[in-house]
């Protein structure tokens, strides 16, 4: 169920400094708001202040323009107008404000000039000068206070007054929640943050590190955000499946983290978007947002030719929990981590569902092999079980039901021994040895057929995984 939520949090800025912020969660977005000083002027000045303006000034009889300046490139700032004494050209023009940054003097660009250089440029500008300026709100507030505390009198009535300023919550980043992910881990590592998380959008926009006041607040935010993300993904799956045939339906989408070799990457973990679609598992660096993205996916395997395993604590390689492995018959192995135990169990359930659907649709699969030196075909059939077809005699040499399989052993290269209970005497065990170049694909497919057969016999099997 979607949830709207608003609350104050602390967010670390890029240099690690904590700042108070407001999080606003809606059905499809998460926004970060920060307090900023904004103008509440309603007399039309706002529109003027947002623009770059050009102001013409003429020197007075004493040879000045009536401006005091602060800042400069040597201070890491633009040059600002800090004071405008009354009855002088600047204040009399009615077009300049304390807090205006001087961008150009005539045709001379001043944005990267030091303070003294700007002063000299202004002095040598001639009798008439054209100033290109832009109002800068944060500087205006500081300079206005400084000006009011000085002995200088306020500007003449002809000078436009500074607009009224107040603090307001302003959106600084908005994360679309569709295809976004939440993580409590420091990116690329197995180190868990304390009472903190980060949300990253599909466009790589990030909330930054969000610090919560306690574990309860953390849990509330994580639950609300992940629920909204899951709801959007579920809706996306339903919309996509309306255009797909039953055998090609999307079963599950989720973000995982893949553990990669530290020898090849400076970070041990990287995000992977996992999809179970039709009979395939697809792994993306960027979620598939268009039809052509599915075709362009480089990492695609048949689910029934892979082995999925949820890892126990003693099998974990580092401090990341909720991990699983996917072994592919072609030799590839993926070590993945989910954000929570619930996410991992949902993935496991979706895996078995995908496997069951693909096997029941396919019904049977044959593998080329040799038996007693003869070219043969080992067929796995959801209804009849195991059967070996001899290409020379064009006949079936033996057949066993899945329920007759007692066990198996292999040499991890090509040789496989299947041990079956005899149909005539269940106490007798008959061993059939075959050789298959795609041994691991065969082994994983046998496991997939057995799982699908068990799910067909016991419908509760799928619900329990």
Protein backbone atom coordinates (compact mmCIF):
# COMPACT_ATOMS: atom_id res chain seq x y z
CA UNK A 1 0.00 0.00 0.00
CA UNK A 2 1.35 3.41 -1.00
CA UNK A 3 2.13 5.89 1.74
CA UNK A 4 2.72 9.63 1.94
CA UNK A 5 5.14 10.75 4.62
CA UNK A 6 6.91 13.97 5.65
CA UNK A 7 9.53 14.54 8.34
CA UNK A 8 12.72 16.26 9.38
CA UNK A 9 16.01 14.38 9.04
CA UNK A 10 19.70 15.13 8.92
CA UNK A 11 21.51 14.80 5.59
CA UNK A 12 25.26 14.75 5.09
CA UNK A 13 26.44 17.15 2.40
CA UNK A 14 29.18 16.12 -0.07
CA UNK A 15 31.93 17.01 2.43
CA UNK A 16 30.23 15.10 5.26
CA UNK A 17 28.77 18.10 7.08
CA UNK A 18 25.32 17.38 8.61
CA UNK A 19 22.47 19.67 7.58
CA UNK A 20 18.82 19.65 8.59
CA UNK A 21 16.49 18.73 5.75
CA UNK A 22 12.91 17.71 5.15
CA UNK A 23 11.95 14.49 3.38
CA UNK A 24 8.67 14.43 1.49
CA UNK A 25 7.50 11.02 0.29
CA UNK A 26 4.67 10.68 -2.23
CA UNK A 27 3.36 7.75 -4.24
CA UNK A 28 6.01 8.09 -6.93
CA UNK A 29 8.69 10.52 -5.68
CA UNK A 30 10.95 11.26 -2.73
CA UNK A 31 12.02 14.90 -2.39
CA UNK A 32 14.71 16.48 -0.24
CA UNK A 33 13.99 20.03 0.88
CA UNK A 34 16.37 22.47 2.52
CA UNK A 35 15.71 25.81 4.15
CA UNK A 36 16.70 28.74 1.98
CA UNK A 37 16.23 32.49 2.18
CA UNK A 38 13.68 33.60 -0.40
CA UNK A 39 12.00 36.88 -1.23
CA UNK A 40 8.37 37.43 -0.28
CA UNK A 41 8.18 40.70 -2.21
CA UNK A 42 4.95 40.96 -4.18
CA UNK A 43 5.53 44.30 -5.90
CA UNK A 44 7.11 42.84 -9.02
CA UNK A 45 10.73 43.02 -7.90
CA UNK A 46 11.04 39.20 -7.93
CA UNK A 47 10.77 39.01 -11.69
CA UNK A 48 13.35 41.75 -12.08
CA UNK A 49 15.75 40.20 -9.56
CA UNK A 50 15.83 36.85 -11.34
CA UNK A 51 17.25 38.49 -14.46
CA UNK A 52 20.63 39.92 -15.44
CA UNK A 53 20.22 43.70 -15.62
CA UNK A 54 22.27 46.50 -17.16
CA UNK A 55 22.38 49.83 -15.32
CA UNK A 56 23.88 53.10 -16.62
CA UNK A 57 25.57 55.45 -14.10
CA UNK A 58 27.17 58.89 -14.55
CA UNK A 59 29.86 60.16 -12.21
CA UNK A 60 28.89 63.01 -9.87
CA UNK A 61 30.85 66.19 -9.38
CA UNK A 62 33.26 64.56 -6.92
CA UNK A 63 34.08 61.88 -9.49
CA UNK A 64 32.43 58.89 -7.80
CA UNK A 65 29.49 56.59 -8.54
CA UNK A 66 28.40 56.18 -4.90
CA UNK A 67 29.21 52.47 -4.54
CA UNK A 68 30.92 50.40 -1.86
CA UNK A 69 32.05 46.94 -2.97
CA UNK A 70 32.92 43.72 -1.17
CA UNK A 71 34.17 40.33 -2.36
CA UNK A 72 36.22 39.31 -5.37
CA UNK A 73 37.97 36.25 -6.77
CA UNK A 74 40.62 36.55 -4.08
CA UNK A 75 37.83 35.87 -1.56
CA UNK A 76 36.30 33.11 -3.66
CA UNK A 77 33.23 35.31 -4.29
CA UNK A 78 31.78 37.66 -6.89
CA UNK A 79 32.10 41.38 -6.21
CA UNK A 80 28.95 42.62 -4.46
CA UNK A 81 27.48 46.08 -3.94
CA UNK A 82 27.61 46.44 -0.16
CA UNK A 83 26.58 50.08 0.37
CA UNK A 84 24.95 52.91 -1.61
CA UNK A 85 25.09 56.24 0.27
CA UNK A 86 22.08 58.51 -0.40
CA UNK A 87 22.02 61.28 -3.00
CA UNK A 88 24.75 59.73 -5.13
CA UNK A 89 24.46 58.22 -8.66
CA UNK A 90 24.02 54.57 -7.58
CA UNK A 91 21.19 55.19 -5.10
CA UNK A 92 19.63 57.90 -7.30
CA UNK A 93 19.40 55.51 -10.27
CA UNK A 94 16.72 53.47 -8.52
CA UNK A 95 17.97 50.37 -10.36
CA UNK A 96 20.65 48.93 -8.09
CA UNK A 97 20.33 46.89 -4.89
CA UNK A 98 22.59 45.97 -2.04
CA UNK A 99 23.46 42.36 -2.86
CA UNK A 100 23.83 42.90 -6.60
CA UNK A 101 26.84 41.03 -8.00
CA UNK A 102 28.76 43.00 -10.63
CA UNK A 103 29.23 40.73 -13.63
CA UNK A 104 30.62 43.28 -16.09
CA UNK A 105 31.87 46.87 -16.11
CA UNK A 106 31.20 48.13 -19.62
CA UNK A 107 32.57 45.19 -21.64
CA UNK A 108 35.02 43.96 -19.01
CA UNK A 109 33.97 40.66 -17.39
CA UNK A 110 34.47 40.89 -13.62
CA UNK A 111 33.29 37.49 -12.37
CA UNK A 112 36.84 36.12 -11.96
CA UNK A 113 38.57 39.40 -11.05
CA UNK A 114 40.05 40.17 -7.65
CA UNK A 115 38.61 42.97 -5.52
CA UNK A 116 41.28 45.59 -6.20
CA UNK A 117 41.18 44.91 -9.95
CA UNK A 118 37.43 45.60 -10.01
CA UNK A 119 37.95 48.87 -8.11
CA UNK A 120 40.60 50.00 -10.61
CA UNK A 121 38.41 49.01 -13.55
CA UNK A 122 35.55 51.06 -12.13
CA UNK A 123 37.79 54.08 -11.51
CA UNK A 124 39.10 54.03 -15.08
CA UNK A 125 35.73 53.36 -16.68
CA UNK A 126 35.12 56.96 -17.78
CA UNK A 127 32.39 59.48 -17.04
CA UNK A 128 29.61 57.07 -17.92
CA UNK A 129 29.65 53.40 -16.98
CA UNK A 130 27.39 50.45 -17.80
CA UNK A 131 27.16 47.88 -15.00
CA UNK A 132 25.85 44.37 -15.70
CA UNK A 133 24.48 43.02 -12.40
CA UNK A 134 22.48 40.19 -10.90
CA UNK A 135 20.84 40.04 -7.48
CA UNK A 136 22.23 37.41 -5.10
CA UNK A 137 19.86 36.65 -2.20
CA UNK A 138 22.20 35.11 0.41
CA UNK A 139 24.68 37.95 -0.01
CA UNK A 140 21.87 40.51 0.17
CA UNK A 141 20.73 39.30 3.59
CA UNK A 142 24.25 39.47 5.03
CA UNK A 143 25.08 42.84 3.48
CA UNK A 144 21.73 44.32 4.43
CA UNK A 145 22.28 43.46 8.07
CA UNK A 146 25.80 44.84 7.94
CA UNK A 147 24.56 48.00 6.27
CA UNK A 148 21.83 48.50 8.87
CA UNK A 149 24.33 48.11 11.71
CA UNK A 150 26.70 50.69 10.21
CA UNK A 151 26.50 54.42 10.67
CA UNK A 152 25.48 54.96 7.08
CA UNK A 153 21.97 56.20 6.56
CA UNK A 154 19.61 54.16 4.36
CA UNK A 155 19.34 54.86 0.68
CA UNK A 156 17.19 57.63 -0.73
CA UNK A 157 13.54 57.13 -1.38
CA UNK A 158 14.33 56.79 -5.07
CA UNK A 159 16.37 53.61 -4.50
CA UNK A 160 14.36 50.39 -4.62
CA UNK A 161 14.22 48.79 -1.21
CA UNK A 162 15.49 45.29 -0.62
CA UNK A 163 12.66 42.76 -0.82
CA UNK A 164 11.41 41.15 2.36
CA UNK A 165 13.24 37.87 2.92
CA UNK A 166 12.22 34.79 4.87
CA UNK A 167 13.28 31.17 5.30
CA UNK A 168 11.30 28.63 3.27
CA UNK A 169 11.66 24.94 2.47
CA UNK A 170 12.93 24.64 -1.11
CA UNK A 171 13.21 21.39 -3.09
CA UNK A 172 16.84 20.64 -3.87
CA UNK A 173 16.43 17.13 -5.33
CA UNK A 174 13.52 14.89 -6.31
CA UNK A 175 14.04 11.15 -6.81
CA UNK A 176 11.56 9.28 -9.07
CA UNK A 177 10.82 6.08 -7.13
CA UNK A 178 10.20 3.88 -10.17
CA UNK A 179 13.40 1.83 -10.58
CA UNK A 180 14.99 3.58 -7.59
CA UNK A 181 16.67 1.65 -4.79
CA UNK A 182 17.35 2.20 -1.09
CA UNK A 183 20.55 1.06 0.58
CA UNK A 184 21.89 1.23 4.10
CA UNK A 185 25.39 0.26 3.03
CA UNK A 186 28.29 2.53 2.18
CA UNK A 187 28.43 2.27 -1.64
CA UNK A 188 30.71 -0.47 -2.92
CA UNK A 189 31.33 -1.96 0.53
CA UNK A 190 29.86 -4.36 3.07
CA UNK A 191 29.84 -1.66 5.78
CA UNK A 192 26.41 -0.91 7.21
CA UNK A 193 25.63 2.69 8.14
CA UNK A 194 24.21 3.36 11.60
CA UNK A 195 20.62 4.68 11.50
CA UNK A 196 21.18 5.93 7.97
CA UNK A 197 20.23 5.16 4.38
CA UNK A 198 20.47 6.55 0.85
CA UNK A 199 17.98 6.47 -2.00
CA UNK A 200 19.34 6.47 -5.55
CA UNK A 201 17.17 7.09 -8.60
CA UNK A 202 17.45 5.54 -12.04
CA UNK A 203 18.95 8.84 -13.21
CA UNK A 204 21.69 8.45 -10.54
CA UNK A 205 20.22 11.33 -8.50
CA UNK A 206 20.70 10.69 -4.78
CA UNK A 207 19.19 11.93 -1.55
CA UNK A 208 22.62 11.86 0.02
CA UNK A 209 23.14 10.05 3.32
CA UNK A 210 19.95 10.41 5.37
CA UNK A 211 20.52 10.19 9.14
CA UNK A 212 17.57 9.28 11.34
CA UNK A 213 17.31 10.13 15.02
CA UNK A 214 16.79 6.51 16.11
CA UNK A 215 16.24 2.98 14.84
CA UNK A 216 12.46 3.33 14.97
CA UNK A 217 12.48 6.39 12.73
CA UNK A 218 14.89 4.59 10.40
CA UNK A 219 12.61 1.54 10.15
CA UNK A 220 9.55 3.73 9.46
CA UNK A 221 11.26 5.57 6.60
CA UNK A 222 12.69 2.40 5.07
CA UNK A 223 9.32 0.63 5.23
CA UNK A 224 7.43 3.54 3.67
CA UNK A 225 9.95 4.17 0.88
CA UNK A 226 10.48 0.51 -0.07
CA UNK A 227 6.72 -0.14 -0.06
CA UNK A 228 6.20 2.69 -2.55
CA UNK A 229 9.08 1.46 -4.73
CA UNK A 230 7.67 -2.09 -4.69
CA UNK A 231 4.17 -0.87 -5.57
CA UNK A 232 5.52 1.03 -8.58
CA UNK A 233 7.52 -2.00 -9.76
CA UNK A 234 4.47 -4.25 -9.37
CA UNK A 235 2.41 -1.84 -11.42
CA UNK A 236 5.13 -1.70 -14.08
CA UNK A 237 5.19 -5.51 -14.26
CA UNK A 238 1.41 -5.66 -14.71
CA UNK A 239 1.49 -3.04 -17.46
CA UNK A 240 4.34 -4.84 -19.26
CA UNK A 241 2.65 -8.24 -19.03
CA UNK A 242 -0.44 -6.96 -20.83
CA UNK A 243 1.67 -6.83 -23.99
CA UNK A 244 3.44 -10.18 -23.48
CA UNK A 245 2.37 -13.75 -24.17
CA UNK A 246 2.03 -15.99 -21.06
CA UNK A 247 5.37 -17.74 -21.74
CA UNK A 248 7.18 -14.37 -21.74
CA UNK A 249 5.63 -12.76 -18.67
CA UNK A 250 7.74 -10.80 -16.20
CA UNK A 251 7.62 -12.52 -12.81
CA UNK A 252 9.92 -10.39 -10.67
CA UNK A 253 12.08 -7.25 -10.74
CA UNK A 254 14.41 -6.10 -7.99
CA UNK A 255 17.69 -4.32 -7.30
CA UNK A 256 20.48 -6.45 -5.88
CA UNK A 257 24.16 -5.83 -5.21
CA UNK A 258 26.71 -8.03 -7.01
CA UNK A 259 30.00 -8.91 -5.36
CA UNK A 260 32.83 -8.47 -7.85
CA UNK A 261 36.53 -9.16 -7.70
CA UNK A 262 38.37 -6.42 -5.79
CA UNK A 263 41.32 -7.08 -8.07
CA UNK A 264 39.36 -5.68 -11.04
CA UNK A 265 37.30 -3.02 -9.24
CA UNK A 266 38.17 -0.61 -6.46
CA UNK A 267 34.78 -1.41 -4.93
CA UNK A 268 33.72 -4.94 -4.04
CA UNK A 269 29.99 -4.42 -4.64
CA UNK A 270 28.04 -2.84 -7.49
CA UNK A 271 24.28 -2.48 -8.16
CA UNK A 272 22.61 -5.03 -10.43
CA UNK A 273 18.99 -4.94 -11.54
CA UNK A 274 17.64 -8.50 -11.66
CA UNK A 275 14.63 -9.57 -13.74
CA UNK A 276 12.93 -12.94 -14.02
CA UNK A 277 11.08 -12.97 -17.33
CA UNK A 278 9.66 -15.97 -19.13
CA UNK A 279 12.24 -18.72 -18.66
CA UNK A 280 15.16 -16.31 -18.27
CA UNK A 281 17.08 -14.45 -15.64
CA UNK A 282 18.42 -11.09 -16.86
CA UNK A 283 20.96 -8.93 -15.05
CA UNK A 284 21.16 -5.23 -15.98
CA UNK A 285 23.41 -2.35 -14.99
CA UNK A 286 20.51 -0.01 -15.86
CA UNK A 287 16.86 -1.13 -15.56
CA UNK A 288 15.05 -2.00 -18.83
CA UNK A 289 12.78 0.97 -19.50
CA UNK A 290 12.12 0.26 -23.19
CA UNK A 291 11.43 -2.91 -25.18
CA UNK A 292 14.80 -2.78 -26.94
CA UNK A 293 16.59 -2.82 -23.56
CA UNK A 294 15.56 -6.46 -23.07
CA UNK A 295 17.11 -7.45 -26.40
CA UNK A 296 20.34 -5.61 -25.60
CA UNK A 297 20.88 -7.31 -22.22
CA UNK A 298 24.27 -9.02 -22.20
CA UNK A 299 23.71 -11.21 -19.13
CA UNK A 300 20.87 -13.63 -19.86
CA UNK A 301 20.54 -17.26 -18.77
CA UNK A 302 17.81 -19.87 -18.71
CA UNK A 303 16.57 -20.30 -15.17
CA UNK A 304 16.38 -24.09 -15.49
CA UNK A 305 20.05 -24.18 -16.54
CA UNK A 306 21.12 -22.39 -13.34
CA UNK A 307 21.24 -23.25 -9.66
CA UNK A 308 19.88 -20.75 -7.12
CA UNK A 309 21.01 -21.00 -3.51
CA UNK A 310 20.28 -18.88 -0.44
CA UNK A 311 23.47 -18.72 1.62
CA UNK A 312 23.74 -19.55 5.29
CA UNK A 313 25.66 -17.27 7.65
CA UNK A 314 28.73 -19.52 7.60
CA UNK A 315 28.84 -19.29 3.79
CA UNK A 316 28.94 -15.49 3.60
CA UNK A 317 32.12 -13.94 2.21
CA UNK A 318 31.92 -10.64 4.14
CA UNK A 319 29.62 -8.65 6.42
CA UNK A 320 26.77 -8.33 3.91
CA UNK A 321 23.87 -10.55 4.90
CA UNK A 322 20.85 -11.75 2.86
CA UNK A 323 23.02 -13.22 0.10
CA UNK A 324 22.50 -15.84 -2.58
CA UNK A 325 24.46 -17.39 -5.42
CA UNK A 326 23.42 -18.20 -8.97
CA UNK A 327 25.54 -20.86 -10.67
CA UNK A 328 25.10 -21.12 -14.43
CA UNK A 329 25.69 -24.29 -16.39
CA UNK A 330 28.07 -22.39 -18.65
CA UNK A 331 30.39 -21.74 -15.69
CA UNK A 332 29.47 -18.20 -14.63
CA UNK A 333 28.73 -17.59 -10.97
CA UNK A 334 27.00 -14.58 -9.44
CA UNK A 335 27.17 -13.69 -5.76
CA UNK A 336 24.29 -11.32 -4.95
CA UNK A 337 23.06 -9.49 -1.88
CA UNK A 338 19.52 -8.26 -1.19
CA UNK A 339 18.80 -5.28 1.03
CA UNK A 340 16.65 -7.28 3.47
CA UNK A 341 15.70 -10.83 4.38
CA UNK A 342 12.22 -10.18 2.98
CA UNK A 343 13.68 -9.12 -0.38
CA UNK A 344 15.80 -12.27 -0.52
CA UNK A 345 12.86 -14.57 0.25
CA UNK A 346 10.73 -12.84 -2.39
CA UNK A 347 13.49 -13.44 -4.92
CA UNK A 348 13.73 -17.11 -3.93
CA UNK A 349 9.97 -17.57 -4.26
CA UNK A 350 9.96 -15.82 -7.66
CA UNK A 351 12.84 -18.04 -8.82
CA UNK A 352 10.95 -21.27 -8.09
CA UNK A 353 7.81 -19.85 -9.66
CA UNK A 354 9.71 -18.91 -12.82
CA UNK A 355 11.34 -22.34 -12.94
CA UNK A 356 8.00 -24.12 -12.51
CA UNK A 357 6.34 -22.03 -15.23
CA UNK A 358 9.17 -22.53 -17.70
CA UNK A 359 9.44 -26.31 -17.15
CA UNK A 360 5.67 -26.91 -17.36
CA UNK A 361 5.63 -24.89 -20.59
CA UNK A 362 8.66 -26.69 -22.06
CA UNK A 363 7.57 -30.15 -20.74
CA UNK A 364 10.77 -31.95 -21.85
CA UNK A 365 14.40 -31.33 -22.76
CA UNK A 366 16.98 -33.64 -24.37
CA UNK A 367 20.74 -33.59 -23.83
CA UNK A 368 23.29 -35.15 -26.15
CA UNK A 369 25.48 -37.71 -24.36
CA UNK A 370 27.17 -41.10 -24.69
CA UNK A 371 26.16 -44.30 -22.94
CA UNK A 372 28.36 -47.37 -23.15
CA UNK A 373 30.30 -45.59 -25.90
CA UNK A 374 27.20 -45.00 -28.06
CA UNK A 375 25.79 -41.62 -29.05
CA UNK A 376 22.57 -41.15 -27.13
CA UNK A 377 20.10 -38.58 -25.93
CA UNK A 378 19.06 -38.23 -22.30
CA UNK A 379 15.54 -36.81 -22.13
CA UNK A 380 14.04 -35.17 -19.06
CA UNK A 381 10.26 -35.22 -19.27
CA UNK A 382 7.99 -33.71 -16.66
CA UNK A 383 5.55 -36.61 -16.96
CA UNK A 384 7.66 -39.69 -17.73
CA UNK A 385 10.93 -38.76 -15.98
CA UNK A 386 14.34 -39.94 -17.31
CA UNK A 387 14.74 -41.82 -20.58
CA UNK A 388 17.79 -42.67 -22.71
CA UNK A 389 17.43 -42.88 -26.48
CA UNK A 390 20.10 -44.76 -28.46
CA UNK A 391 20.81 -43.14 -31.83
CA UNK A 392 22.17 -46.38 -33.28
CA UNK A 393 19.26 -48.67 -32.50
CA UNK A 394 16.67 -45.86 -32.63
CA UNK A 395 15.11 -47.13 -29.42
CA UNK A 396 14.85 -46.24 -25.76
CA UNK A 397 17.37 -48.16 -23.65
CA UNK A 398 15.93 -47.33 -20.26
CA UNK A 399 13.30 -45.17 -18.55
CA UNK A 400 12.83 -44.19 -14.90
CA UNK A 401 10.37 -41.98 -13.11
CA UNK A 402 11.66 -38.99 -11.17
CA UNK A 403 10.47 -40.68 -7.99
CA UNK A 404 12.85 -43.60 -8.66
CA UNK A 405 15.97 -41.40 -8.52
CA UNK A 406 17.90 -42.29 -5.38
CA UNK A 407 20.91 -40.03 -5.95
CA UNK A 408 23.71 -39.10 -8.31
CA UNK A 409 27.46 -38.59 -8.43
CA UNK A 410 29.78 -37.00 -10.97
CA UNK A 411 33.46 -36.23 -11.64
CA UNK A 412 32.81 -32.48 -12.08
CA UNK A 413 33.90 -32.74 -15.72
CA UNK A 414 31.68 -34.90 -17.95
CA UNK A 415 30.86 -38.19 -16.25
CA UNK A 416 27.52 -38.60 -14.42
CA UNK A 417 26.19 -41.61 -12.51
CA UNK A 418 22.45 -41.75 -11.85
CA UNK A 419 21.29 -44.19 -9.17
CA UNK A 420 17.70 -45.43 -9.51
CA UNK A 421 15.48 -47.74 -7.47
CA UNK A 422 14.53 -50.73 -9.59
CA UNK A 423 10.88 -50.80 -10.72
CA UNK A 424 10.65 -54.54 -10.02
CA UNK A 425 12.41 -54.47 -6.66
CA UNK A 426 12.61 -51.01 -4.97
CA UNK A 427 15.34 -52.32 -2.67
CA UNK A 428 17.68 -52.85 -5.63
CA UNK A 429 19.62 -49.85 -6.97
CA UNK A 430 20.48 -49.63 -10.66
CA UNK A 431 23.30 -47.28 -11.72
CA UNK A 432 23.36 -45.69 -15.17
CA UNK A 433 26.55 -43.91 -16.20
CA UNK A 434 26.60 -41.40 -19.01
CA UNK A 435 29.03 -38.78 -20.32
CA UNK A 436 27.89 -35.29 -21.25
CA UNK A 437 30.02 -32.32 -22.31
CA UNK A 438 27.55 -29.90 -20.73
CA UNK A 439 27.58 -31.68 -17.38
CA UNK A 440 26.66 -28.75 -15.16
CA UNK A 441 23.85 -27.60 -17.45
CA UNK A 442 22.48 -31.13 -17.30
CA UNK A 443 22.78 -31.32 -13.51
CA UNK A 444 21.05 -27.97 -13.00
CA UNK A 445 18.32 -28.95 -15.46
CA UNK A 446 17.71 -32.21 -13.57
CA UNK A 447 17.34 -30.18 -10.38
CA UNK A 448 14.95 -27.79 -12.16
CA UNK A 449 12.75 -30.64 -13.43
CA UNK A 450 12.69 -32.27 -9.99
CA UNK A 451 11.66 -28.95 -8.39
CA UNK A 452 8.94 -28.41 -11.00
CA UNK A 453 7.70 -32.00 -10.54
CA UNK A 454 7.57 -31.54 -6.78
CA UNK A 455 5.63 -28.27 -7.21
CA UNK A 456 3.18 -30.06 -9.53
CA UNK A 457 2.62 -32.86 -7.00
CA UNK A 458 2.62 -30.55 -3.96
CA UNK A 459 1.20 -27.06 -4.78
CA UNK A 460 2.26 -25.89 -1.31
CA UNK A 461 5.91 -26.24 -2.40
CA UNK A 462 5.87 -22.95 -4.34
CA UNK A 463 4.18 -21.16 -1.49
CA UNK A 464 6.79 -22.32 0.98
CA UNK A 465 9.73 -20.95 -1.08
